Each structure stands twice: as structure tokens, then as C-alpha cells.
C-alpha atoms as a PDB file:
ATOM      1  CA  UNK A   1      -6.095   3.999   4.783  1.00  0.00           C
ATOM      2  CA  UNK A   2      -5.215   5.173   1.278  1.00  0.00           C
ATOM      3  CA  UNK A   3      -4.697   2.447  -1.328  1.00  0.00           C
ATOM      4  CA  UNK A   4      -0.746   2.840  -1.038  1.00  0.00           C
ATOM      5  CA  UNK A   5      -1.185   2.661   2.662  1.00  0.00           C
ATOM      6  CA  UNK A   6      -3.167  -0.552   2.564  1.00  0.00           C
ATOM      7  CA  UNK A   7      -0.534  -1.788   0.134  1.00  0.00           C
ATOM      8  CA  UNK A   8       2.311  -1.285   2.470  1.00  0.00           C
ATOM      9  CA  UNK A   9       0.629  -2.530   5.606  1.00  0.00           C
ATOM     10  CA  UNK A  10      -0.228  -5.798   3.806  1.00  0.00           C
ATOM     11  CA  UNK A  11       2.938  -6.107   2.227  1.00  0.00           C
ATOM     12  CA  UNK A  12       1.605  -6.810  -1.466  1.00  0.00           C
ATOM     13  CA  UNK A  13       1.385  -4.565  -4.325  1.00  0.00           C
ATOM     14  CA  UNK A  14      -1.295  -1.896  -5.266  1.00  0.00           C
ATOM     15  CA  UNK A  15      -2.572  -3.895  -8.055  1.00  0.00           C
ATOM     16  CA  UNK A  16      -3.348  -6.803  -5.441  1.00  0.00           C
ATOM     17  CA  UNK A  17      -5.261  -4.029  -3.097  1.00  0.00           C
ATOM     18  CA  UNK A  18      -7.481  -3.386  -6.309  1.00  0.00           C
ATOM     19  CA  UNK A  19      -8.266  -7.136  -6.765  1.00  0.00           C
ATOM     20  CA  UNK A  20      -8.751  -7.618  -3.292  1.00  0.00           C
ATOM     21  CA  UNK A  21     -11.238  -4.778  -3.302  1.00  0.00           C
ATOM     22  CA  UNK A  22     -12.907  -5.913  -6.560  1.00  0.00           C
ATOM     23  CA  UNK A  23     -13.507  -9.655  -4.900  1.00  0.00           C
ATOM     24  CA  UNK A  24     -14.607  -8.220  -1.589  1.00  0.00           C
ATOM     25  CA  UNK A  25     -11.913  -9.270   0.612  1.00  0.00           C
ATOM     26  CA  UNK A  26     -10.972  -5.368   1.401  1.00  0.00           C
ATOM     27  CA  UNK A  27     -13.927  -2.844   2.052  1.00  0.00           C
ATOM     28  CA  UNK A  28     -13.513   0.334   0.112  1.00  0.00           C
ATOM     29  CA  UNK A  29     -14.861   3.574   1.751  1.00  0.00           C
ATOM     30  CA  UNK A  30     -17.333   5.497  -0.080  1.00  0.00           C
ATOM     31  CA  UNK A  31     -17.278   8.029  -1.621  1.00  0.00           C
ATOM     32  CA  UNK A  32     -13.763   7.867  -3.284  1.00  0.00           C
ATOM     33  CA  UNK A  33     -11.287  10.547  -2.153  1.00  0.00           C
ATOM     34  CA  UNK A  34     -10.734  13.392  -4.415  1.00  0.00           C
ATOM     35  CA  UNK A  35      -8.067  11.832  -6.429  1.00  0.00           C
ATOM     36  CA  UNK A  36     -10.674   9.408  -7.367  1.00  0.00           C
ATOM     37  CA  UNK A  37      -8.536   6.306  -5.989  1.00  0.00           C
ATOM     38  CA  UNK A  38     -10.115   4.117  -3.037  1.00  0.00           C
ATOM     39  CA  UNK A  39      -9.720   4.237   0.351  1.00  0.00           C
ATOM     40  CA  UNK A  40      -9.869   1.252   2.303  1.00  0.00           C
ATOM     41  CA  UNK A  41     -11.479   0.598   5.232  1.00  0.00           C
ATOM     42  CA  UNK A  42      -8.882  -0.131   8.024  1.00  0.00           C
ATOM     43  CA  UNK A  43     -10.638  -2.858  10.211  1.00  0.00           C
ATOM     44  CA  UNK A  44     -10.973  -4.712   6.871  1.00  0.00           C
ATOM     45  CA  UNK A  45      -7.421  -4.688   6.213  1.00  0.00           C
ATOM     46  CA  UNK A  46      -6.488  -5.679   9.566  1.00  0.00           C
ATOM     47  CA  UNK A  47      -8.915  -8.543   9.412  1.00  0.00           C
ATOM     48  CA  UNK A  48      -7.282  -9.734   6.120  1.00  0.00           C
ATOM     49  CA  UNK A  49      -3.783  -9.158   7.441  1.00  0.00           C
ATOM     50  CA  UNK A  50      -4.765 -11.384  10.286  1.00  0.00           C
ATOM     51  CA  UNK A  51      -5.782 -14.010   8.169  1.00  0.00           C
ATOM     52  CA  UNK A  52      -2.636 -13.952   6.000  1.00  0.00           C
ATOM     53  CA  UNK A  53      -0.358 -14.002   9.247  1.00  0.00           C
ATOM     54  CA  UNK A  54      -2.611 -17.112  10.517  1.00  0.00           C
ATOM     55  CA  UNK A  55      -2.041 -18.716   6.933  1.00  0.00           C
ATOM     56  CA  UNK A  56       1.585 -18.019   7.286  1.00  0.00           C
ATOM     57  CA  UNK A  57       2.152 -19.433  10.830  1.00  0.00           C
ATOM     58  CA  UNK A  58       0.395 -22.492  10.072  1.00  0.00           C
ATOM     59  CA  UNK A  59       2.663 -22.922   7.034  1.00  0.00           C
ATOM     60  CA  UNK A  60       5.769 -22.432   8.744  1.00  0.00           C
ATOM     61  CA  UNK A  61       4.718 -24.372  11.732  1.00  0.00           C
ATOM     62  CA  UNK A  62       4.009 -27.553   9.169  1.00  0.00           C
ATOM     63  CA  UNK A  63       7.668 -27.259   7.936  1.00  0.00           C
ATOM     64  CA  UNK A  64      10.342 -29.495   9.349  1.00  0.00           C
ATOM     65  CA  UNK A  65      13.854 -30.221   8.557  1.00  0.00           C
ATOM     66  CA  UNK A  66      12.697 -33.023   6.388  1.00  0.00           C
ATOM     67  CA  UNK A  67      11.147 -30.459   4.174  1.00  0.00           C
ATOM     68  CA  UNK A  68      14.350 -29.001   3.559  1.00  0.00           C
ATOM     69  CA  UNK A  69      14.752 -28.429  -0.167  1.00  0.00           C
ATOM     70  CA  UNK A  70      18.268 -28.173  -0.114  1.00  0.00           C
ATOM     71  CA  UNK A  71      19.181 -31.663   1.481  1.00  0.00           C
ATOM     72  CA  UNK A  72      19.331 -34.015  -1.498  1.00  0.00           C
END
């Protein structure tokens, strides 16, 4: 998937996708495309999204009404 597609799929910025590639969290498909922008391995994008979903789910599950910041 392209850098833009990866950003939309993960609901993050293109800059964040670039950082994820640089850190090795997402795998870049080589060689780069004709525009010289990275293409992202679909499987690595799906794995990263699954990790995010797990973390988000755990956070939401840990929240109770007692944690409501609007209640004083």
C-alpha cells in the first residue's frame, strides 16, 4: 500500500507512517515506487493496526464511570 493509503488505513499522519517505517514497525517494500515514496507491506500494516486495536480496546475496557473526568 502507498504511504497515503497506510496513513488512512491506520488513521495516522503520513509523517507518522514515515516514522513507523524508519523505526521498523512497518516494513517498506523495495525498491521504492516511481515517485520515490515508500510502499508499505500490507501484512505489516495489518499487524500494526491489530496491535493498536488491542491497546485501544484494553484502555477502553479499563475505564469505568469512576474515571469520568467530567464528574467532580
